[in-house]
Amino acid sequence: MCYHKELKATPKELKERFKAKFPLEEEYEPKELINGFEHPLFPIITDQKPDTIQLFRWGFVPHYELNIKKGNTLNAVYETLDERVTYKNYTSQRCIIPVTGMYEWKTVGKYKEKKKYTIENQYIFCLAGLWNTCTHPDTNQEIHSYTVITKEGAAAILLDEKEWLMKGNILINPNELIKHLTPPQLDIFGSL
């Protein structure tokens, strides 16, 4: 599962990489270790605004569950996307999540050791995600949230970012999605 990631790219590097504007760039801070359990605001690009980098909360909040403490999830398991009520109505709301690294914990003897994974020759790479915006009925506050799609326990790395964002172009089902996503595999990743 993907619970920790890195994004050290500057706003300028993100804008150049995605040829996009970044209206809230002053609220973004590059970080080496981003903990999903803190539900941070994080830069993503949605299918709705592919020319804009937006800040969304990591931890998906569907319309029917507006209690932020209970109704969020950091990862959406690819194998059950069309079965889980949390995601099945949102599979067309796609986003790309830029990262410069991902962290996984590996068991070494009695201890767990943090390992960072990057993609060789690709400073910024993207994870597949789903997003949502809903309005809290009590406060009228808009909640912008996203989740990372995982496959076989690892984050889904996008092979074709633009195609992922194009609505209707890829169905969320095992036969179609697998052509465009790959789980992190050690042969394409460098470990630090």
N, C-alpha and C. Protein backbone atom coordinates (compact mmCIF):
# COMPACT_ATOMS: atom_id res chain seq x y z
N MET A 1 0.84 -1.18 0.00
CA MET A 1 0.00 0.00 0.00
C MET A 1 0.88 1.24 0.00
N CYS A 2 0.32 2.34 -0.44
CA CYS A 2 1.07 3.58 -0.54
C CYS A 2 0.58 4.54 0.55
N TYR A 3 1.41 4.72 1.59
CA TYR A 3 1.04 5.62 2.68
C TYR A 3 2.04 6.76 2.86
N HIS A 4 3.20 6.64 2.23
CA HIS A 4 4.24 7.67 2.35
C HIS A 4 4.85 7.91 0.98
N LYS A 5 5.04 9.17 0.66
CA LYS A 5 5.64 9.50 -0.63
C LYS A 5 6.50 10.74 -0.49
N GLU A 6 7.18 11.07 -1.56
CA GLU A 6 8.06 12.23 -1.59
C GLU A 6 7.71 13.08 -2.80
N LEU A 7 7.74 14.40 -2.61
CA LEU A 7 7.64 15.33 -3.74
C LEU A 7 8.54 16.51 -3.42
N LYS A 8 9.75 16.44 -3.96
CA LYS A 8 10.74 17.49 -3.73
C LYS A 8 10.77 18.51 -4.87
N ALA A 9 9.97 18.30 -5.90
CA ALA A 9 9.96 19.22 -7.04
C ALA A 9 9.45 20.59 -6.62
N THR A 10 10.04 21.62 -7.18
CA THR A 10 9.61 22.99 -6.91
C THR A 10 8.35 23.29 -7.72
N PRO A 11 7.62 24.36 -7.36
CA PRO A 11 6.47 24.75 -8.18
C PRO A 11 6.86 24.97 -9.64
N LYS A 12 8.00 25.59 -9.87
CA LYS A 12 8.46 25.83 -11.25
C LYS A 12 8.66 24.51 -12.00
N GLU A 13 9.29 23.52 -11.33
CA GLU A 13 9.51 22.22 -11.98
C GLU A 13 8.19 21.52 -12.28
N LEU A 14 7.23 21.62 -11.38
CA LEU A 14 5.92 21.00 -11.61
C LEU A 14 5.20 21.68 -12.78
N LYS A 15 5.22 23.00 -12.80
CA LYS A 15 4.54 23.73 -13.89
C LYS A 15 5.16 23.40 -15.24
N GLU A 16 6.50 23.32 -15.28
CA GLU A 16 7.17 22.98 -16.54
C GLU A 16 6.90 21.54 -16.95
N ARG A 17 6.96 20.62 -16.00
CA ARG A 17 6.77 19.20 -16.31
C ARG A 17 5.38 18.91 -16.88
N PHE A 18 4.36 19.60 -16.32
CA PHE A 18 2.99 19.31 -16.74
C PHE A 18 2.39 20.39 -17.65
N LYS A 19 3.20 21.40 -17.96
CA LYS A 19 2.70 22.51 -18.80
C LYS A 19 1.36 23.01 -18.26
N ALA A 20 1.36 23.29 -16.96
CA ALA A 20 0.13 23.65 -16.26
C ALA A 20 0.36 24.85 -15.36
N LYS A 21 -0.71 25.55 -15.07
CA LYS A 21 -0.63 26.63 -14.09
C LYS A 21 -0.80 26.05 -12.69
N PHE A 22 -0.35 26.80 -11.69
CA PHE A 22 -0.40 26.32 -10.31
C PHE A 22 -0.83 27.51 -9.44
N PRO A 23 -2.14 27.81 -9.41
CA PRO A 23 -2.63 29.02 -8.73
C PRO A 23 -2.29 29.09 -7.24
N LEU A 24 -2.22 27.97 -6.55
CA LEU A 24 -1.96 27.99 -5.11
C LEU A 24 -0.53 27.56 -4.78
N GLU A 25 0.40 27.85 -5.66
CA GLU A 25 1.76 27.35 -5.46
C GLU A 25 2.40 27.86 -4.17
N GLU A 26 1.97 29.03 -3.67
CA GLU A 26 2.55 29.54 -2.42
C GLU A 26 2.14 28.71 -1.21
N GLU A 27 1.10 27.88 -1.34
CA GLU A 27 0.66 27.02 -0.25
C GLU A 27 1.31 25.63 -0.30
N TYR A 28 2.10 25.40 -1.33
CA TYR A 28 2.78 24.10 -1.50
C TYR A 28 4.22 24.22 -1.01
N GLU A 29 4.66 23.17 -0.33
CA GLU A 29 6.04 23.10 0.13
C GLU A 29 6.63 21.75 -0.25
N PRO A 30 7.71 21.73 -1.05
CA PRO A 30 8.34 20.45 -1.37
C PRO A 30 8.77 19.73 -0.09
N LYS A 31 8.58 18.40 -0.06
CA LYS A 31 8.93 17.64 1.14
C LYS A 31 9.54 16.30 0.76
N GLU A 32 10.42 15.85 1.63
CA GLU A 32 11.06 14.56 1.41
C GLU A 32 10.20 13.40 1.88
N LEU A 33 9.48 13.59 2.98
CA LEU A 33 8.63 12.50 3.49
C LEU A 33 7.24 13.05 3.77
N ILE A 34 6.25 12.56 3.04
CA ILE A 34 4.86 12.99 3.19
C ILE A 34 4.08 11.79 3.73
N ASN A 35 3.48 11.97 4.90
CA ASN A 35 2.76 10.91 5.59
C ASN A 35 1.27 11.04 5.29
N GLY A 36 0.70 10.06 4.62
CA GLY A 36 -0.71 10.08 4.26
C GLY A 36 -1.63 10.14 5.46
N PHE A 37 -1.21 9.59 6.59
CA PHE A 37 -2.07 9.56 7.77
C PHE A 37 -2.28 10.96 8.37
N GLU A 38 -1.49 11.93 7.91
CA GLU A 38 -1.69 13.32 8.33
C GLU A 38 -2.67 14.04 7.40
N HIS A 39 -3.12 13.38 6.35
CA HIS A 39 -4.08 13.91 5.38
C HIS A 39 -3.66 15.28 4.85
N PRO A 40 -2.44 15.36 4.32
CA PRO A 40 -1.94 16.66 3.86
C PRO A 40 -2.58 17.11 2.54
N LEU A 41 -2.53 18.42 2.31
CA LEU A 41 -2.88 18.94 0.98
C LEU A 41 -1.72 18.60 0.07
N PHE A 42 -2.03 18.15 -1.16
CA PHE A 42 -0.99 17.66 -2.05
C PHE A 42 -1.35 18.04 -3.48
N PRO A 43 -0.36 18.38 -4.31
CA PRO A 43 -0.64 18.74 -5.70
C PRO A 43 -1.09 17.55 -6.53
N ILE A 44 -2.21 17.72 -7.22
CA ILE A 44 -2.68 16.71 -8.17
C ILE A 44 -3.19 17.43 -9.42
N ILE A 45 -3.40 16.66 -10.48
CA ILE A 45 -4.00 17.18 -11.71
C ILE A 45 -5.21 16.30 -12.01
N THR A 46 -6.39 16.92 -12.11
CA THR A 46 -7.62 16.16 -12.35
C THR A 46 -7.96 16.13 -13.83
N ASP A 47 -8.80 15.17 -14.20
CA ASP A 47 -9.30 15.09 -15.57
C ASP A 47 -10.17 16.30 -15.89
N GLN A 48 -10.77 16.91 -14.87
CA GLN A 48 -11.64 18.07 -15.07
C GLN A 48 -10.84 19.33 -15.42
N LYS A 49 -9.63 19.46 -14.85
CA LYS A 49 -8.77 20.63 -15.10
C LYS A 49 -7.35 20.15 -15.40
N PRO A 50 -7.13 19.55 -16.58
CA PRO A 50 -5.82 18.97 -16.88
C PRO A 50 -4.71 20.00 -17.08
N ASP A 51 -5.06 21.28 -17.16
CA ASP A 51 -4.05 22.33 -17.33
C ASP A 51 -3.76 23.07 -16.03
N THR A 52 -4.24 22.52 -14.89
CA THR A 52 -4.09 23.20 -13.60
C THR A 52 -3.63 22.21 -12.53
N ILE A 53 -2.63 22.61 -11.79
CA ILE A 53 -2.19 21.84 -10.63
C ILE A 53 -2.99 22.37 -9.44
N GLN A 54 -3.70 21.46 -8.75
CA GLN A 54 -4.55 21.85 -7.63
C GLN A 54 -4.07 21.16 -6.36
N LEU A 55 -4.42 21.72 -5.21
CA LEU A 55 -4.09 21.10 -3.93
C LEU A 55 -5.33 20.41 -3.38
N PHE A 56 -5.25 19.08 -3.22
CA PHE A 56 -6.33 18.27 -2.68
C PHE A 56 -5.83 17.54 -1.44
N ARG A 57 -6.75 17.19 -0.57
CA ARG A 57 -6.46 16.47 0.66
C ARG A 57 -6.29 14.99 0.34
N TRP A 58 -5.20 14.40 0.84
CA TRP A 58 -4.96 12.97 0.65
C TRP A 58 -5.83 12.21 1.64
N GLY A 59 -6.79 11.47 1.13
CA GLY A 59 -7.77 10.73 1.92
C GLY A 59 -9.14 10.99 1.32
N PHE A 60 -9.59 10.08 0.48
CA PHE A 60 -10.82 10.24 -0.31
C PHE A 60 -12.05 10.36 0.58
N VAL A 61 -12.88 11.35 0.28
CA VAL A 61 -14.15 11.54 1.00
C VAL A 61 -15.28 11.47 -0.03
N PRO A 62 -16.06 10.38 -0.06
CA PRO A 62 -17.19 10.31 -0.98
C PRO A 62 -18.34 11.21 -0.49
N HIS A 63 -19.28 11.53 -1.38
CA HIS A 63 -20.39 12.42 -1.03
C HIS A 63 -21.20 11.94 0.16
N TYR A 64 -21.39 10.64 0.27
CA TYR A 64 -22.27 10.12 1.32
C TYR A 64 -21.59 10.09 2.69
N GLU A 65 -20.28 10.32 2.76
CA GLU A 65 -19.57 10.23 4.03
C GLU A 65 -18.75 11.50 4.24
N LEU A 66 -19.32 12.46 4.93
CA LEU A 66 -18.64 13.74 5.09
C LEU A 66 -17.96 13.90 6.44
N ASN A 67 -17.95 12.86 7.24
CA ASN A 67 -17.20 12.91 8.49
C ASN A 67 -15.74 12.62 8.14
N ILE A 68 -14.92 13.65 8.10
CA ILE A 68 -13.55 13.52 7.63
C ILE A 68 -12.75 12.52 8.46
N LYS A 69 -13.01 12.41 9.74
CA LYS A 69 -12.25 11.50 10.58
C LYS A 69 -12.56 10.03 10.24
N LYS A 70 -13.80 9.72 9.85
CA LYS A 70 -14.17 8.34 9.55
C LYS A 70 -14.14 8.03 8.05
N GLY A 71 -14.52 8.97 7.23
CA GLY A 71 -14.77 8.65 5.84
C GLY A 71 -13.67 8.98 4.89
N ASN A 72 -12.46 8.57 5.17
CA ASN A 72 -11.40 8.83 4.22
C ASN A 72 -10.58 7.58 4.00
N THR A 73 -9.97 7.49 2.86
CA THR A 73 -9.10 6.37 2.58
C THR A 73 -7.96 6.83 1.70
N LEU A 74 -6.78 6.41 2.03
CA LEU A 74 -5.57 6.84 1.34
C LEU A 74 -5.37 6.09 0.04
N ASN A 75 -5.82 4.83 0.00
CA ASN A 75 -5.60 3.96 -1.16
C ASN A 75 -6.91 3.33 -1.61
N ALA A 76 -7.06 3.19 -2.91
CA ALA A 76 -8.19 2.48 -3.50
C ALA A 76 -7.62 1.23 -4.17
N VAL A 77 -8.03 0.09 -3.71
CA VAL A 77 -7.49 -1.17 -4.23
C VAL A 77 -8.08 -1.45 -5.61
N TYR A 78 -7.22 -1.50 -6.60
CA TYR A 78 -7.60 -1.68 -8.00
C TYR A 78 -8.50 -2.89 -8.21
N GLU A 79 -8.15 -3.98 -7.57
CA GLU A 79 -8.87 -5.23 -7.78
C GLU A 79 -10.33 -5.16 -7.32
N THR A 80 -10.69 -4.19 -6.46
CA THR A 80 -12.06 -4.10 -5.96
C THR A 80 -12.72 -2.75 -6.24
N LEU A 81 -12.16 -1.95 -7.15
CA LEU A 81 -12.71 -0.62 -7.42
C LEU A 81 -14.19 -0.64 -7.80
N ASP A 82 -14.57 -1.58 -8.65
CA ASP A 82 -15.95 -1.60 -9.12
C ASP A 82 -16.90 -2.29 -8.14
N GLU A 83 -16.37 -2.83 -7.04
CA GLU A 83 -17.20 -3.48 -6.04
C GLU A 83 -17.46 -2.60 -4.82
N ARG A 84 -16.49 -1.78 -4.47
CA ARG A 84 -16.58 -0.96 -3.26
C ARG A 84 -17.46 0.26 -3.48
N VAL A 85 -18.44 0.43 -2.64
CA VAL A 85 -19.36 1.56 -2.77
C VAL A 85 -18.61 2.89 -2.67
N THR A 86 -17.51 2.91 -1.94
CA THR A 86 -16.71 4.13 -1.78
C THR A 86 -16.22 4.65 -3.12
N TYR A 87 -15.88 3.76 -4.07
CA TYR A 87 -15.23 4.18 -5.31
C TYR A 87 -16.02 3.95 -6.58
N LYS A 88 -16.94 2.99 -6.59
CA LYS A 88 -17.51 2.57 -7.87
C LYS A 88 -18.24 3.69 -8.61
N ASN A 89 -18.73 4.71 -7.91
CA ASN A 89 -19.38 5.83 -8.59
C ASN A 89 -18.42 6.96 -8.95
N TYR A 90 -17.14 6.76 -8.69
CA TYR A 90 -16.15 7.83 -8.90
C TYR A 90 -15.04 7.43 -9.86
N THR A 91 -15.16 6.27 -10.50
CA THR A 91 -14.05 5.80 -11.33
C THR A 91 -13.79 6.66 -12.56
N SER A 92 -14.72 7.53 -12.92
CA SER A 92 -14.46 8.43 -14.04
C SER A 92 -13.81 9.73 -13.58
N GLN A 93 -13.68 9.94 -12.28
CA GLN A 93 -13.05 11.14 -11.73
C GLN A 93 -11.58 10.81 -11.45
N ARG A 94 -10.79 10.93 -12.48
CA ARG A 94 -9.40 10.48 -12.41
C ARG A 94 -8.44 11.62 -12.19
N CYS A 95 -7.33 11.30 -11.55
CA CYS A 95 -6.29 12.31 -11.36
C CYS A 95 -4.93 11.65 -11.47
N ILE A 96 -3.94 12.51 -11.70
CA ILE A 96 -2.56 12.05 -11.63
C ILE A 96 -1.92 12.72 -10.41
N ILE A 97 -1.07 11.97 -9.75
CA ILE A 97 -0.46 12.39 -8.50
C ILE A 97 1.05 12.38 -8.71
N PRO A 98 1.66 13.57 -8.87
CA PRO A 98 3.10 13.61 -9.10
C PRO A 98 3.89 13.29 -7.84
N VAL A 99 4.96 12.51 -7.99
CA VAL A 99 5.85 12.20 -6.88
C VAL A 99 7.29 12.15 -7.40
N THR A 100 8.23 12.31 -6.48
CA THR A 100 9.64 12.09 -6.82
C THR A 100 10.16 10.83 -6.14
N GLY A 101 9.33 10.20 -5.33
CA GLY A 101 9.71 8.96 -4.68
C GLY A 101 8.56 8.40 -3.87
N MET A 102 8.67 7.11 -3.53
CA MET A 102 7.69 6.44 -2.67
C MET A 102 8.46 5.66 -1.64
N TYR A 103 7.85 5.52 -0.48
CA TYR A 103 8.49 4.78 0.61
C TYR A 103 7.69 3.53 0.93
N GLU A 104 8.39 2.46 1.14
CA GLU A 104 7.81 1.22 1.62
C GLU A 104 8.69 0.72 2.76
N TRP A 105 8.09 0.00 3.68
CA TRP A 105 8.86 -0.56 4.78
C TRP A 105 9.11 -2.03 4.50
N LYS A 106 10.35 -2.43 4.58
CA LYS A 106 10.74 -3.82 4.35
C LYS A 106 11.20 -4.42 5.68
N THR A 107 10.81 -5.65 5.93
CA THR A 107 11.24 -6.32 7.14
C THR A 107 12.66 -6.83 6.96
N VAL A 108 13.53 -6.41 7.88
CA VAL A 108 14.93 -6.85 7.88
C VAL A 108 15.18 -7.43 9.27
N GLY A 109 15.20 -8.75 9.35
CA GLY A 109 15.33 -9.41 10.65
C GLY A 109 14.10 -9.13 11.49
N LYS A 110 14.31 -8.55 12.68
CA LYS A 110 13.21 -8.22 13.58
C LYS A 110 12.65 -6.82 13.34
N TYR A 111 13.31 -6.06 12.49
CA TYR A 111 12.96 -4.65 12.34
C TYR A 111 12.40 -4.34 10.95
N LYS A 112 11.70 -3.21 10.88
CA LYS A 112 11.24 -2.71 9.58
C LYS A 112 12.12 -1.54 9.19
N GLU A 113 12.53 -1.55 7.95
CA GLU A 113 13.44 -0.53 7.43
C GLU A 113 12.75 0.23 6.31
N LYS A 114 12.86 1.55 6.37
CA LYS A 114 12.24 2.40 5.35
C LYS A 114 13.12 2.42 4.10
N LYS A 115 12.50 2.16 2.95
CA LYS A 115 13.22 2.22 1.67
C LYS A 115 12.50 3.18 0.76
N LYS A 116 13.27 4.01 0.08
CA LYS A 116 12.70 4.93 -0.89
C LYS A 116 12.90 4.37 -2.29
N TYR A 117 11.84 4.45 -3.09
CA TYR A 117 11.90 3.99 -4.47
C TYR A 117 11.67 5.16 -5.41
N THR A 118 12.48 5.19 -6.44
CA THR A 118 12.35 6.21 -7.49
C THR A 118 12.39 5.49 -8.83
N ILE A 119 12.07 6.20 -9.88
CA ILE A 119 12.21 5.62 -11.21
C ILE A 119 13.45 6.24 -11.86
N GLU A 120 14.33 5.38 -12.29
CA GLU A 120 15.57 5.83 -12.89
C GLU A 120 15.29 6.71 -14.10
N ASN A 121 16.02 7.79 -14.21
CA ASN A 121 15.91 8.74 -15.33
C ASN A 121 14.56 9.44 -15.43
N GLN A 122 13.79 9.43 -14.35
CA GLN A 122 12.51 10.13 -14.35
C GLN A 122 12.33 10.78 -12.98
N TYR A 123 12.74 12.05 -12.86
CA TYR A 123 12.70 12.75 -11.58
C TYR A 123 11.28 12.80 -11.01
N ILE A 124 10.32 13.24 -11.83
CA ILE A 124 8.91 13.28 -11.41
C ILE A 124 8.16 12.19 -12.18
N PHE A 125 7.51 11.30 -11.45
CA PHE A 125 6.65 10.32 -12.10
C PHE A 125 5.27 10.41 -11.45
N CYS A 126 4.28 9.74 -12.01
CA CYS A 126 2.90 9.93 -11.54
C CYS A 126 2.25 8.63 -11.11
N LEU A 127 1.43 8.76 -10.08
CA LEU A 127 0.60 7.67 -9.60
C LEU A 127 -0.82 7.90 -10.11
N ALA A 128 -1.55 6.83 -10.29
CA ALA A 128 -2.96 6.93 -10.70
C ALA A 128 -3.81 7.18 -9.47
N GLY A 129 -4.84 8.01 -9.63
CA GLY A 129 -5.71 8.29 -8.50
C GLY A 129 -7.13 8.61 -8.93
N LEU A 130 -8.00 8.68 -7.92
CA LEU A 130 -9.37 9.13 -8.08
C LEU A 130 -9.55 10.34 -7.17
N TRP A 131 -10.42 11.27 -7.57
CA TRP A 131 -10.63 12.49 -6.78
C TRP A 131 -12.11 12.73 -6.57
N ASN A 132 -12.41 13.61 -5.62
CA ASN A 132 -13.80 14.02 -5.40
C ASN A 132 -13.82 15.40 -4.75
N THR A 133 -14.89 16.13 -5.03
CA THR A 133 -15.18 17.38 -4.34
C THR A 133 -16.60 17.30 -3.84
N CYS A 134 -16.79 17.56 -2.56
CA CYS A 134 -18.14 17.59 -2.00
C CYS A 134 -18.24 18.75 -1.01
N THR A 135 -19.45 19.14 -0.72
CA THR A 135 -19.70 20.26 0.19
C THR A 135 -20.29 19.74 1.48
N HIS A 136 -19.67 20.12 2.58
CA HIS A 136 -20.16 19.70 3.90
C HIS A 136 -21.49 20.40 4.17
N PRO A 137 -22.55 19.66 4.50
CA PRO A 137 -23.87 20.27 4.65
C PRO A 137 -23.98 21.25 5.83
N ASP A 138 -23.16 21.06 6.86
CA ASP A 138 -23.24 21.94 8.03
C ASP A 138 -22.44 23.23 7.86
N THR A 139 -21.26 23.11 7.24
CA THR A 139 -20.36 24.27 7.16
C THR A 139 -20.33 24.91 5.77
N ASN A 140 -20.90 24.23 4.78
CA ASN A 140 -20.81 24.66 3.37
C ASN A 140 -19.37 24.73 2.87
N GLN A 141 -18.47 24.10 3.57
CA GLN A 141 -17.07 24.06 3.17
C GLN A 141 -16.89 22.99 2.08
N GLU A 142 -16.18 23.35 1.01
CA GLU A 142 -15.87 22.37 -0.02
C GLU A 142 -14.70 21.51 0.43
N ILE A 143 -14.85 20.21 0.25
CA ILE A 143 -13.79 19.27 0.59
C ILE A 143 -13.28 18.66 -0.72
N HIS A 144 -12.02 18.93 -1.03
CA HIS A 144 -11.37 18.39 -2.22
C HIS A 144 -10.45 17.26 -1.75
N SER A 145 -10.69 16.05 -2.21
CA SER A 145 -9.91 14.91 -1.72
C SER A 145 -9.53 13.97 -2.86
N TYR A 146 -8.55 13.12 -2.60
CA TYR A 146 -8.12 12.13 -3.59
C TYR A 146 -7.62 10.88 -2.89
N THR A 147 -7.48 9.82 -3.67
CA THR A 147 -6.91 8.57 -3.20
C THR A 147 -5.95 8.03 -4.26
N VAL A 148 -4.99 7.25 -3.83
CA VAL A 148 -4.02 6.61 -4.73
C VAL A 148 -4.54 5.22 -5.06
N ILE A 149 -4.55 4.87 -6.35
CA ILE A 149 -4.95 3.51 -6.75
C ILE A 149 -3.75 2.59 -6.54
N THR A 150 -4.01 1.48 -5.86
CA THR A 150 -2.96 0.48 -5.67
C THR A 150 -3.34 -0.80 -6.37
N LYS A 151 -2.32 -1.55 -6.77
CA LYS A 151 -2.53 -2.84 -7.43
C LYS A 151 -1.56 -3.83 -6.80
N GLU A 152 -2.09 -4.94 -6.38
CA GLU A 152 -1.27 -5.97 -5.74
C GLU A 152 -0.44 -5.37 -4.61
N GLY A 153 -1.04 -4.46 -3.85
CA GLY A 153 -0.40 -3.90 -2.67
C GLY A 153 0.58 -2.78 -2.92
N ALA A 154 0.74 -2.33 -4.17
CA ALA A 154 1.69 -1.25 -4.46
C ALA A 154 1.00 -0.17 -5.30
N ALA A 155 1.50 1.05 -5.22
CA ALA A 155 0.89 2.15 -5.96
C ALA A 155 0.94 1.89 -7.47
N ALA A 156 -0.11 2.30 -8.16
CA ALA A 156 -0.19 2.11 -9.61
C ALA A 156 0.55 3.25 -10.30
N ILE A 157 1.61 2.93 -11.00
CA ILE A 157 2.41 3.92 -11.71
C ILE A 157 1.82 4.12 -13.09
N LEU A 158 1.63 5.37 -13.47
CA LEU A 158 1.04 5.65 -14.78
C LEU A 158 2.07 5.56 -15.88
N LEU A 159 1.74 4.82 -16.92
CA LEU A 159 2.58 4.74 -18.09
C LEU A 159 2.21 5.84 -19.09
N ASP A 160 0.95 6.20 -19.14
CA ASP A 160 0.48 7.23 -20.05
C ASP A 160 -0.45 8.17 -19.28
N GLU A 161 0.14 9.25 -18.76
CA GLU A 161 -0.60 10.18 -17.89
C GLU A 161 -1.76 10.85 -18.61
N LYS A 162 -1.51 11.33 -19.84
CA LYS A 162 -2.56 12.06 -20.57
C LYS A 162 -3.74 11.15 -20.88
N GLU A 163 -3.46 9.93 -21.27
CA GLU A 163 -4.55 9.01 -21.61
C GLU A 163 -5.38 8.68 -20.37
N TRP A 164 -4.73 8.59 -19.21
CA TRP A 164 -5.46 8.32 -17.97
C TRP A 164 -6.48 9.41 -17.67
N LEU A 165 -6.13 10.65 -17.99
CA LEU A 165 -7.02 11.77 -17.69
C LEU A 165 -8.16 11.93 -18.70
N MET A 166 -8.04 11.33 -19.87
CA MET A 166 -9.07 11.48 -20.90
C MET A 166 -10.30 10.65 -20.52
N LYS A 167 -11.41 11.32 -20.31
CA LYS A 167 -12.64 10.63 -19.88
C LYS A 167 -13.10 9.60 -20.90
N GLY A 168 -13.53 8.48 -20.40
CA GLY A 168 -14.11 7.47 -21.26
C GLY A 168 -13.10 6.68 -22.07
N ASN A 169 -11.83 7.04 -22.00
CA ASN A 169 -10.83 6.38 -22.82
C ASN A 169 -10.38 5.05 -22.23
N ILE A 170 -10.39 4.95 -20.92
CA ILE A 170 -9.98 3.71 -20.27
C ILE A 170 -11.03 3.35 -19.25
N LEU A 171 -11.60 2.17 -19.37
CA LEU A 171 -12.55 1.70 -18.37
C LEU A 171 -11.77 1.13 -17.20
N ILE A 172 -12.35 1.25 -16.02
CA ILE A 172 -11.70 0.66 -14.85
C ILE A 172 -12.12 -0.80 -14.80
N ASN A 173 -11.39 -1.62 -15.47
CA ASN A 173 -11.60 -3.06 -15.38
C ASN A 173 -10.27 -3.74 -15.65
N PRO A 174 -10.10 -4.96 -15.22
CA PRO A 174 -8.79 -5.61 -15.31
C PRO A 174 -8.22 -5.66 -16.72
N ASN A 175 -9.05 -5.83 -17.73
CA ASN A 175 -8.53 -5.97 -19.08
C ASN A 175 -8.02 -4.67 -19.67
N GLU A 176 -8.61 -3.54 -19.30
CA GLU A 176 -8.21 -2.26 -19.86
C GLU A 176 -7.15 -1.56 -19.02
N LEU A 177 -7.37 -1.48 -17.72
CA LEU A 177 -6.48 -0.70 -16.87
C LEU A 177 -5.07 -1.26 -16.85
N ILE A 178 -4.95 -2.55 -16.89
CA ILE A 178 -3.65 -3.19 -16.81
C ILE A 178 -2.73 -2.74 -17.95
N LYS A 179 -3.29 -2.31 -19.07
CA LYS A 179 -2.48 -1.87 -20.20
C LYS A 179 -1.78 -0.54 -19.90
N HIS A 180 -2.31 0.20 -18.95
CA HIS A 180 -1.81 1.55 -18.71
C HIS A 180 -1.16 1.75 -17.36
N LEU A 181 -1.29 0.80 -16.48
CA LEU A 181 -0.71 0.92 -15.15
C LEU A 181 0.18 -0.26 -14.87
N THR A 182 1.16 -0.04 -14.07
CA THR A 182 1.99 -1.15 -13.63
C THR A 182 2.31 -0.96 -12.16
N PRO A 183 2.26 -2.01 -11.38
CA PRO A 183 2.66 -1.84 -9.98
C PRO A 183 4.16 -1.59 -9.91
N PRO A 184 4.62 -0.91 -8.85
CA PRO A 184 6.07 -0.71 -8.73
C PRO A 184 6.77 -2.06 -8.66
N GLN A 185 7.68 -2.26 -9.54
CA GLN A 185 8.46 -3.49 -9.54
C GLN A 185 9.92 -3.10 -9.41
N LEU A 186 10.66 -3.88 -8.69
CA LEU A 186 12.02 -3.49 -8.39
C LEU A 186 12.88 -3.34 -9.63
N ASP A 187 12.52 -3.99 -10.73
CA ASP A 187 13.35 -3.85 -11.92
C ASP A 187 13.19 -2.49 -12.61
N ILE A 188 12.11 -1.72 -12.33
CA ILE A 188 11.99 -0.38 -12.92
C ILE A 188 12.31 0.69 -11.90
N PHE A 189 12.51 0.31 -10.64
CA PHE A 189 12.77 1.27 -9.58
C PHE A 189 14.20 1.21 -9.12
N GLY A 190 14.69 2.35 -8.68
CA GLY A 190 15.96 2.40 -7.99
C GLY A 190 15.66 2.51 -6.51
N SER A 191 16.43 1.87 -5.69
CA SER A 191 16.21 1.91 -4.24
C SER A 191 17.33 2.73 -3.62
N LEU A 192 16.94 3.64 -2.71
CA LEU A 192 17.93 4.47 -2.02
C LEU A 192 17.98 4.12 -0.56
